[in-house]
Amino acid sequence: MQNRYLFKAKRKDNGEWVEGFYFCMTHTDGRHTHHFIIPLGADLSLGTPVEKIQVEVDQSTICQCTGLKDKNGNLIWENDIVKDLFSDVCAQIKYGSYQNCFDSTKTEHVGFYVCWSDKYTKRYRKDLGYWINMVDAKIVGSKIDNPELLEVQK
């Protein structure tokens, strides 16, 4: 199994992080949607009903794995915060379309990227692979647990 298909989110019952396989269900009335993760290590082979294994999670905390690992071997997730080791500036990891600062054309890329803000938007590359593989940038927290790290940078 590839890590990029993993998700993590905070449990609704106790607020702890859980990693695994994400799915959601919408009631037939279309008004109520519930979000679940089946945790890693859950044994479905013994005929245990999914209802006993699934964990309901807070939708606002759902993060997809990028499939990349930091220099310490830890998985990197959407909403993690990366720190530029040269300037101590922090930025959030997001998924979507983005344009790099050095692109001479209006090329749009799609994937996980580093969302630099303010004056750093036009000076810093956004491609996550560059920051992880070439610069050894450090993951210092997540937007969900450490929003103060993303306060306006000077």
N, C-alpha and C. Protein backbone atom coordinates (compact mmCIF):
# COMPACT_ATOMS: atom_id res chain seq x y z
N MET A 1 0.83 -1.17 0.00
CA MET A 1 0.00 0.00 0.00
C MET A 1 0.88 1.25 0.00
N GLN A 2 0.48 2.24 -0.77
CA GLN A 2 1.27 3.45 -0.84
C GLN A 2 0.75 4.48 0.16
N ASN A 3 1.68 5.16 0.80
CA ASN A 3 1.33 6.13 1.84
C ASN A 3 0.45 7.26 1.34
N ARG A 4 0.56 7.61 0.06
CA ARG A 4 -0.20 8.76 -0.42
C ARG A 4 -1.71 8.55 -0.37
N TYR A 5 -2.13 7.31 -0.14
CA TYR A 5 -3.56 7.03 -0.02
C TYR A 5 -4.04 7.07 1.43
N LEU A 6 -3.16 7.38 2.34
CA LEU A 6 -3.54 7.47 3.75
C LEU A 6 -4.10 8.85 4.08
N PHE A 7 -4.92 8.87 5.10
CA PHE A 7 -5.46 10.12 5.64
C PHE A 7 -5.28 10.09 7.15
N LYS A 8 -5.33 11.27 7.75
CA LYS A 8 -5.39 11.35 9.21
C LYS A 8 -6.37 12.45 9.56
N ALA A 9 -6.94 12.34 10.74
CA ALA A 9 -7.88 13.34 11.23
C ALA A 9 -8.02 13.15 12.73
N LYS A 10 -8.65 14.12 13.38
CA LYS A 10 -8.89 14.02 14.82
C LYS A 10 -10.22 13.34 15.07
N ARG A 11 -10.19 12.40 15.99
CA ARG A 11 -11.39 11.67 16.37
C ARG A 11 -12.41 12.62 16.99
N LYS A 12 -13.69 12.39 16.71
CA LYS A 12 -14.73 13.21 17.32
C LYS A 12 -14.91 12.89 18.80
N ASP A 13 -14.65 11.64 19.20
CA ASP A 13 -14.93 11.25 20.57
C ASP A 13 -13.87 11.73 21.57
N ASN A 14 -12.59 11.82 21.16
CA ASN A 14 -11.57 12.21 22.13
C ASN A 14 -10.53 13.21 21.60
N GLY A 15 -10.64 13.61 20.33
CA GLY A 15 -9.73 14.61 19.78
C GLY A 15 -8.34 14.12 19.44
N GLU A 16 -8.10 12.82 19.54
CA GLU A 16 -6.77 12.28 19.21
C GLU A 16 -6.68 12.03 17.70
N TRP A 17 -5.45 12.13 17.17
CA TRP A 17 -5.21 11.85 15.76
C TRP A 17 -5.36 10.35 15.50
N VAL A 18 -5.93 10.03 14.33
CA VAL A 18 -6.03 8.65 13.88
C VAL A 18 -5.65 8.63 12.40
N GLU A 19 -4.86 7.64 11.99
CA GLU A 19 -4.43 7.49 10.61
C GLU A 19 -5.05 6.24 10.02
N GLY A 20 -5.39 6.32 8.73
CA GLY A 20 -5.93 5.14 8.07
C GLY A 20 -6.60 5.49 6.76
N PHE A 21 -7.69 4.78 6.48
CA PHE A 21 -8.41 4.92 5.23
C PHE A 21 -9.68 5.73 5.46
N TYR A 22 -9.85 6.77 4.67
CA TYR A 22 -10.95 7.72 4.86
C TYR A 22 -12.15 7.35 3.99
N PHE A 23 -13.34 7.55 4.53
CA PHE A 23 -14.56 7.49 3.74
C PHE A 23 -15.63 8.32 4.43
N CYS A 24 -16.65 8.71 3.66
CA CYS A 24 -17.76 9.46 4.26
C CYS A 24 -19.07 8.84 3.80
N MET A 25 -20.11 9.07 4.60
CA MET A 25 -21.44 8.58 4.29
C MET A 25 -22.43 9.71 4.46
N THR A 26 -23.33 9.82 3.50
CA THR A 26 -24.39 10.81 3.57
C THR A 26 -25.71 10.08 3.75
N HIS A 27 -26.51 10.53 4.70
CA HIS A 27 -27.82 9.92 4.93
C HIS A 27 -28.70 10.12 3.70
N THR A 28 -29.70 9.28 3.58
CA THR A 28 -30.58 9.35 2.42
C THR A 28 -31.31 10.68 2.31
N ASP A 29 -31.47 11.40 3.43
CA ASP A 29 -32.11 12.71 3.36
C ASP A 29 -31.17 13.77 2.77
N GLY A 30 -29.90 13.42 2.62
CA GLY A 30 -28.92 14.32 2.01
C GLY A 30 -28.44 15.45 2.90
N ARG A 31 -28.91 15.50 4.14
CA ARG A 31 -28.55 16.62 5.02
C ARG A 31 -27.46 16.29 6.02
N HIS A 32 -27.21 15.05 6.27
CA HIS A 32 -26.23 14.66 7.29
C HIS A 32 -25.14 13.80 6.66
N THR A 33 -23.92 14.28 6.75
CA THR A 33 -22.77 13.54 6.26
C THR A 33 -21.85 13.26 7.44
N HIS A 34 -21.37 12.03 7.52
CA HIS A 34 -20.45 11.63 8.57
C HIS A 34 -19.14 11.22 7.92
N HIS A 35 -18.03 11.55 8.57
CA HIS A 35 -16.70 11.28 8.05
C HIS A 35 -16.02 10.26 8.97
N PHE A 36 -15.42 9.24 8.34
CA PHE A 36 -14.83 8.15 9.11
C PHE A 36 -13.43 7.81 8.61
N ILE A 37 -12.64 7.25 9.50
CA ILE A 37 -11.38 6.63 9.14
C ILE A 37 -11.36 5.23 9.72
N ILE A 38 -10.94 4.28 8.89
CA ILE A 38 -10.68 2.93 9.38
C ILE A 38 -9.20 2.92 9.73
N PRO A 39 -8.86 2.80 11.02
CA PRO A 39 -7.47 2.92 11.45
C PRO A 39 -6.55 1.86 10.84
N LEU A 40 -5.29 2.24 10.67
CA LEU A 40 -4.28 1.28 10.24
C LEU A 40 -4.23 0.16 11.26
N GLY A 41 -4.06 -1.03 10.80
CA GLY A 41 -3.97 -2.17 11.71
C GLY A 41 -5.31 -2.79 12.04
N ALA A 42 -6.40 -2.19 11.59
CA ALA A 42 -7.72 -2.77 11.84
C ALA A 42 -7.83 -4.09 11.07
N ASP A 43 -8.27 -5.13 11.73
CA ASP A 43 -8.34 -6.46 11.13
C ASP A 43 -9.75 -6.72 10.60
N LEU A 44 -9.91 -6.58 9.30
CA LEU A 44 -11.21 -6.83 8.68
C LEU A 44 -11.34 -8.27 8.19
N SER A 45 -10.27 -9.02 8.27
CA SER A 45 -10.28 -10.39 7.72
C SER A 45 -11.07 -11.37 8.58
N LEU A 46 -11.32 -11.06 9.83
CA LEU A 46 -12.03 -11.98 10.71
C LEU A 46 -13.54 -11.77 10.69
N GLY A 47 -14.01 -10.98 9.73
CA GLY A 47 -15.44 -10.76 9.62
C GLY A 47 -15.97 -9.71 10.60
N THR A 48 -15.07 -8.94 11.20
CA THR A 48 -15.52 -7.88 12.09
C THR A 48 -16.25 -6.82 11.27
N PRO A 49 -17.46 -6.45 11.66
CA PRO A 49 -18.19 -5.43 10.90
C PRO A 49 -17.44 -4.09 10.92
N VAL A 50 -17.47 -3.41 9.79
CA VAL A 50 -16.80 -2.12 9.66
C VAL A 50 -17.31 -1.15 10.73
N GLU A 51 -18.56 -1.25 11.09
CA GLU A 51 -19.15 -0.34 12.08
C GLU A 51 -18.43 -0.40 13.43
N LYS A 52 -17.81 -1.54 13.74
CA LYS A 52 -17.10 -1.67 15.01
C LYS A 52 -15.66 -1.19 14.93
N ILE A 53 -15.16 -0.96 13.72
CA ILE A 53 -13.77 -0.56 13.54
C ILE A 53 -13.64 0.91 13.16
N GLN A 54 -14.60 1.41 12.39
CA GLN A 54 -14.51 2.79 11.90
C GLN A 54 -14.56 3.79 13.05
N VAL A 55 -13.88 4.91 12.84
CA VAL A 55 -13.82 5.98 13.83
C VAL A 55 -14.36 7.24 13.19
N GLU A 56 -15.36 7.88 13.81
CA GLU A 56 -15.87 9.13 13.25
C GLU A 56 -14.89 10.25 13.56
N VAL A 57 -14.61 11.09 12.54
CA VAL A 57 -13.61 12.14 12.68
C VAL A 57 -14.21 13.51 12.37
N ASP A 58 -13.53 14.53 12.86
CA ASP A 58 -13.90 15.92 12.61
C ASP A 58 -13.48 16.28 11.19
N GLN A 59 -14.43 16.63 10.35
CA GLN A 59 -14.16 16.91 8.94
C GLN A 59 -13.12 18.02 8.75
N SER A 60 -13.10 19.00 9.63
CA SER A 60 -12.18 20.14 9.47
C SER A 60 -10.73 19.77 9.73
N THR A 61 -10.47 18.55 10.22
CA THR A 61 -9.10 18.14 10.53
C THR A 61 -8.55 17.09 9.56
N ILE A 62 -9.31 16.74 8.54
CA ILE A 62 -8.89 15.68 7.61
C ILE A 62 -7.69 16.15 6.79
N CYS A 63 -6.63 15.35 6.79
CA CYS A 63 -5.39 15.66 6.05
C CYS A 63 -4.98 14.43 5.25
N GLN A 64 -4.61 14.64 3.99
CA GLN A 64 -4.12 13.54 3.17
C GLN A 64 -2.60 13.48 3.25
N CYS A 65 -2.07 12.29 3.19
CA CYS A 65 -0.63 12.09 3.19
C CYS A 65 -0.06 12.49 1.83
N THR A 66 1.08 13.16 1.83
CA THR A 66 1.71 13.57 0.58
C THR A 66 2.45 12.42 -0.10
N GLY A 67 2.74 11.36 0.64
CA GLY A 67 3.53 10.27 0.12
C GLY A 67 5.02 10.49 0.33
N LEU A 68 5.40 11.66 0.86
CA LEU A 68 6.80 11.99 1.11
C LEU A 68 7.12 11.84 2.58
N LYS A 69 8.40 11.67 2.87
CA LYS A 69 8.86 11.61 4.26
C LYS A 69 9.91 12.67 4.48
N ASP A 70 9.99 13.16 5.71
CA ASP A 70 11.03 14.13 6.03
C ASP A 70 12.35 13.41 6.29
N LYS A 71 13.39 14.16 6.64
CA LYS A 71 14.71 13.55 6.81
C LYS A 71 14.77 12.57 7.97
N ASN A 72 13.77 12.61 8.87
CA ASN A 72 13.71 11.67 9.99
C ASN A 72 12.83 10.47 9.70
N GLY A 73 12.31 10.38 8.47
CA GLY A 73 11.48 9.24 8.09
C GLY A 73 10.01 9.38 8.46
N ASN A 74 9.59 10.57 8.91
CA ASN A 74 8.19 10.79 9.27
C ASN A 74 7.39 11.20 8.04
N LEU A 75 6.18 10.67 7.92
CA LEU A 75 5.31 11.03 6.81
C LEU A 75 4.97 12.52 6.88
N ILE A 76 4.81 13.12 5.71
CA ILE A 76 4.43 14.53 5.61
C ILE A 76 2.98 14.59 5.13
N TRP A 77 2.19 15.43 5.79
CA TRP A 77 0.75 15.50 5.56
C TRP A 77 0.34 16.89 5.08
N GLU A 78 -0.78 16.92 4.38
CA GLU A 78 -1.44 18.17 4.06
C GLU A 78 -1.69 18.90 5.39
N ASN A 79 -1.55 20.20 5.39
CA ASN A 79 -1.72 21.06 6.57
C ASN A 79 -0.53 21.04 7.53
N ASP A 80 0.52 20.24 7.23
CA ASP A 80 1.75 20.35 8.01
C ASP A 80 2.36 21.72 7.73
N ILE A 81 3.22 22.15 8.61
CA ILE A 81 3.90 23.43 8.45
C ILE A 81 5.38 23.17 8.25
N VAL A 82 5.92 23.72 7.16
CA VAL A 82 7.32 23.56 6.83
C VAL A 82 8.05 24.86 7.18
N LYS A 83 9.29 24.71 7.65
CA LYS A 83 10.09 25.87 8.04
C LYS A 83 11.32 25.95 7.16
N ASP A 84 11.52 27.13 6.57
CA ASP A 84 12.73 27.37 5.79
C ASP A 84 13.89 27.52 6.77
N LEU A 85 14.87 26.67 6.66
CA LEU A 85 15.98 26.66 7.61
C LEU A 85 16.88 27.89 7.50
N PHE A 86 16.81 28.61 6.38
CA PHE A 86 17.68 29.76 6.18
C PHE A 86 17.09 31.05 6.74
N SER A 87 15.76 31.13 6.81
CA SER A 87 15.15 32.39 7.24
C SER A 87 14.15 32.23 8.38
N ASP A 88 13.89 31.01 8.82
CA ASP A 88 12.92 30.72 9.88
C ASP A 88 11.49 31.09 9.50
N VAL A 89 11.20 31.22 8.22
CA VAL A 89 9.84 31.50 7.76
C VAL A 89 9.09 30.18 7.66
N CYS A 90 7.82 30.18 8.05
CA CYS A 90 7.00 28.97 8.03
C CYS A 90 5.89 29.10 6.99
N ALA A 91 5.46 27.96 6.44
CA ALA A 91 4.37 27.94 5.47
C ALA A 91 3.63 26.62 5.56
N GLN A 92 2.37 26.66 5.16
CA GLN A 92 1.50 25.49 5.21
C GLN A 92 1.63 24.67 3.93
N ILE A 93 1.52 23.35 4.07
CA ILE A 93 1.49 22.45 2.93
C ILE A 93 0.02 22.27 2.53
N LYS A 94 -0.26 22.52 1.25
CA LYS A 94 -1.63 22.43 0.73
C LYS A 94 -1.64 21.54 -0.50
N TYR A 95 -2.86 21.20 -0.94
CA TYR A 95 -3.03 20.47 -2.19
C TYR A 95 -3.90 21.32 -3.11
N GLY A 96 -3.51 21.39 -4.38
CA GLY A 96 -4.30 22.12 -5.35
C GLY A 96 -3.43 22.59 -6.50
N SER A 97 -3.93 23.59 -7.23
CA SER A 97 -3.14 24.13 -8.34
C SER A 97 -2.33 25.31 -7.83
N TYR A 98 -1.14 25.44 -8.38
CA TYR A 98 -0.25 26.52 -7.97
C TYR A 98 0.67 26.89 -9.12
N GLN A 99 1.27 28.07 -9.02
CA GLN A 99 2.24 28.52 -10.00
C GLN A 99 3.51 28.87 -9.25
N ASN A 100 4.64 28.39 -9.73
CA ASN A 100 5.91 28.68 -9.09
C ASN A 100 6.40 30.07 -9.44
N CYS A 101 7.16 30.65 -8.56
CA CYS A 101 7.65 32.02 -8.73
C CYS A 101 8.58 32.16 -9.93
N PHE A 102 9.26 31.10 -10.32
CA PHE A 102 10.24 31.20 -11.39
C PHE A 102 9.68 30.80 -12.76
N ASP A 103 8.40 30.39 -12.83
CA ASP A 103 7.81 30.01 -14.11
C ASP A 103 7.66 31.24 -15.00
N SER A 104 8.24 31.19 -16.19
CA SER A 104 8.15 32.34 -17.10
C SER A 104 6.81 32.38 -17.82
N THR A 105 6.13 31.25 -17.88
CA THR A 105 4.80 31.21 -18.49
C THR A 105 3.78 31.05 -17.37
N LYS A 106 2.56 31.05 -17.71
CA LYS A 106 1.48 30.90 -16.72
C LYS A 106 1.18 29.42 -16.47
N THR A 107 2.22 28.62 -16.35
CA THR A 107 2.06 27.18 -16.12
C THR A 107 1.43 26.92 -14.76
N GLU A 108 0.38 26.13 -14.77
CA GLU A 108 -0.28 25.71 -13.53
C GLU A 108 0.16 24.29 -13.20
N HIS A 109 0.59 24.08 -11.99
CA HIS A 109 0.93 22.75 -11.51
C HIS A 109 -0.18 22.31 -10.57
N VAL A 110 -0.37 21.01 -10.43
CA VAL A 110 -1.37 20.47 -9.51
C VAL A 110 -0.68 19.44 -8.63
N GLY A 111 -0.87 19.57 -7.34
CA GLY A 111 -0.28 18.63 -6.40
C GLY A 111 -0.10 19.27 -5.04
N PHE A 112 0.71 18.65 -4.20
CA PHE A 112 1.02 19.22 -2.90
C PHE A 112 2.06 20.30 -3.09
N TYR A 113 1.88 21.42 -2.42
CA TYR A 113 2.80 22.54 -2.56
C TYR A 113 2.94 23.27 -1.23
N VAL A 114 3.97 24.10 -1.15
CA VAL A 114 4.20 24.91 0.05
C VAL A 114 3.61 26.29 -0.23
N CYS A 115 2.68 26.71 0.61
CA CYS A 115 1.94 27.96 0.40
C CYS A 115 2.62 29.10 1.17
N TRP A 116 3.65 29.68 0.57
CA TRP A 116 4.33 30.82 1.19
C TRP A 116 3.43 32.03 1.11
N SER A 117 3.47 32.91 2.09
CA SER A 117 2.58 34.06 2.09
C SER A 117 3.36 35.37 2.08
N ASP A 118 2.61 36.42 1.88
CA ASP A 118 3.13 37.79 1.89
C ASP A 118 4.30 37.97 0.94
N LYS A 119 5.37 38.57 1.39
CA LYS A 119 6.50 38.89 0.50
C LYS A 119 7.24 37.66 0.01
N TYR A 120 7.03 36.51 0.63
CA TYR A 120 7.73 35.29 0.24
C TYR A 120 7.05 34.59 -0.94
N THR A 121 5.80 34.96 -1.25
CA THR A 121 5.06 34.32 -2.33
C THR A 121 5.81 34.41 -3.66
N LYS A 122 6.38 35.53 -3.96
CA LYS A 122 7.03 35.73 -5.25
C LYS A 122 8.51 35.38 -5.24
N ARG A 123 9.06 35.07 -4.07
CA ARG A 123 10.50 34.78 -3.98
C ARG A 123 10.81 33.31 -3.72
N TYR A 124 9.86 32.56 -3.20
CA TYR A 124 10.12 31.18 -2.80
C TYR A 124 9.42 30.20 -3.74
N ARG A 125 10.13 29.12 -4.06
CA ARG A 125 9.52 28.04 -4.82
C ARG A 125 8.40 27.42 -4.01
N LYS A 126 7.40 26.87 -4.72
CA LYS A 126 6.27 26.26 -4.02
C LYS A 126 6.28 24.74 -4.07
N ASP A 127 7.05 24.15 -4.98
CA ASP A 127 7.01 22.70 -5.13
C ASP A 127 7.57 22.01 -3.89
N LEU A 128 6.74 21.18 -3.28
CA LEU A 128 7.07 20.52 -2.02
C LEU A 128 8.30 19.63 -2.15
N GLY A 129 8.43 18.92 -3.25
CA GLY A 129 9.57 18.04 -3.44
C GLY A 129 10.91 18.76 -3.33
N TYR A 130 10.97 19.98 -3.83
CA TYR A 130 12.20 20.77 -3.72
C TYR A 130 12.56 21.01 -2.26
N TRP A 131 11.59 21.44 -1.46
CA TRP A 131 11.86 21.78 -0.06
C TRP A 131 12.22 20.56 0.77
N ILE A 132 11.65 19.43 0.46
CA ILE A 132 11.91 18.22 1.24
C ILE A 132 13.19 17.52 0.76
N ASN A 133 13.37 17.38 -0.55
CA ASN A 133 14.50 16.61 -1.08
C ASN A 133 15.77 17.42 -1.28
N MET A 134 15.65 18.68 -1.62
CA MET A 134 16.83 19.48 -1.95
C MET A 134 17.32 20.35 -0.79
N VAL A 135 16.39 20.89 -0.03
CA VAL A 135 16.74 21.85 1.01
C VAL A 135 16.73 21.23 2.40
N ASP A 136 16.08 20.08 2.55
CA ASP A 136 15.93 19.45 3.87
C ASP A 136 15.17 20.34 4.84
N ALA A 137 14.16 21.03 4.32
CA ALA A 137 13.33 21.87 5.18
C ALA A 137 12.70 21.00 6.26
N LYS A 138 12.36 21.62 7.35
CA LYS A 138 11.90 20.89 8.53
C LYS A 138 10.39 21.07 8.74
N ILE A 139 9.71 19.97 9.06
CA ILE A 139 8.29 20.04 9.44
C ILE A 139 8.27 20.40 10.93
N VAL A 140 7.59 21.49 11.27
CA VAL A 140 7.61 21.98 12.65
C VAL A 140 6.26 21.88 13.37
N GLY A 141 5.25 21.40 12.68
CA GLY A 141 3.93 21.29 13.30
C GLY A 141 2.87 21.19 12.23
N SER A 142 1.62 21.46 12.63
CA SER A 142 0.52 21.45 11.66
C SER A 142 -0.36 22.66 11.89
N LYS A 143 -1.06 23.05 10.85
CA LYS A 143 -1.97 24.20 10.94
C LYS A 143 -3.06 23.93 12.00
N ILE A 144 -3.43 22.69 12.15
CA ILE A 144 -4.51 22.34 13.06
C ILE A 144 -4.06 22.42 14.52
N ASP A 145 -2.86 21.93 14.81
CA ASP A 145 -2.36 21.93 16.19
C ASP A 145 -1.55 23.17 16.54
N ASN A 146 -0.94 23.82 15.56
CA ASN A 146 -0.03 24.94 15.82
C ASN A 146 -0.29 26.13 14.90
N PRO A 147 -1.51 26.68 14.88
CA PRO A 147 -1.80 27.79 13.95
C PRO A 147 -0.95 29.03 14.20
N GLU A 148 -0.44 29.17 15.40
CA GLU A 148 0.39 30.34 15.73
C GLU A 148 1.66 30.39 14.91
N LEU A 149 2.11 29.25 14.38
CA LEU A 149 3.32 29.22 13.55
C LEU A 149 3.13 29.93 12.22
N LEU A 150 1.87 30.11 11.83
CA LEU A 150 1.58 30.74 10.54
C LEU A 150 1.22 32.21 10.66
N GLU A 151 1.37 32.76 11.85
CA GLU A 151 1.07 34.19 12.00
C GLU A 151 1.94 34.99 11.06
N VAL A 152 1.51 36.17 10.70
CA VAL A 152 2.20 37.00 9.71
C VAL A 152 3.69 37.04 9.97
N GLN A 153 4.46 36.67 8.94
CA GLN A 153 5.91 36.63 9.03
C GLN A 153 6.48 38.00 8.66
N LYS A 154 7.53 38.38 9.31
CA LYS A 154 8.17 39.66 9.00
C LYS A 154 9.38 39.46 8.15
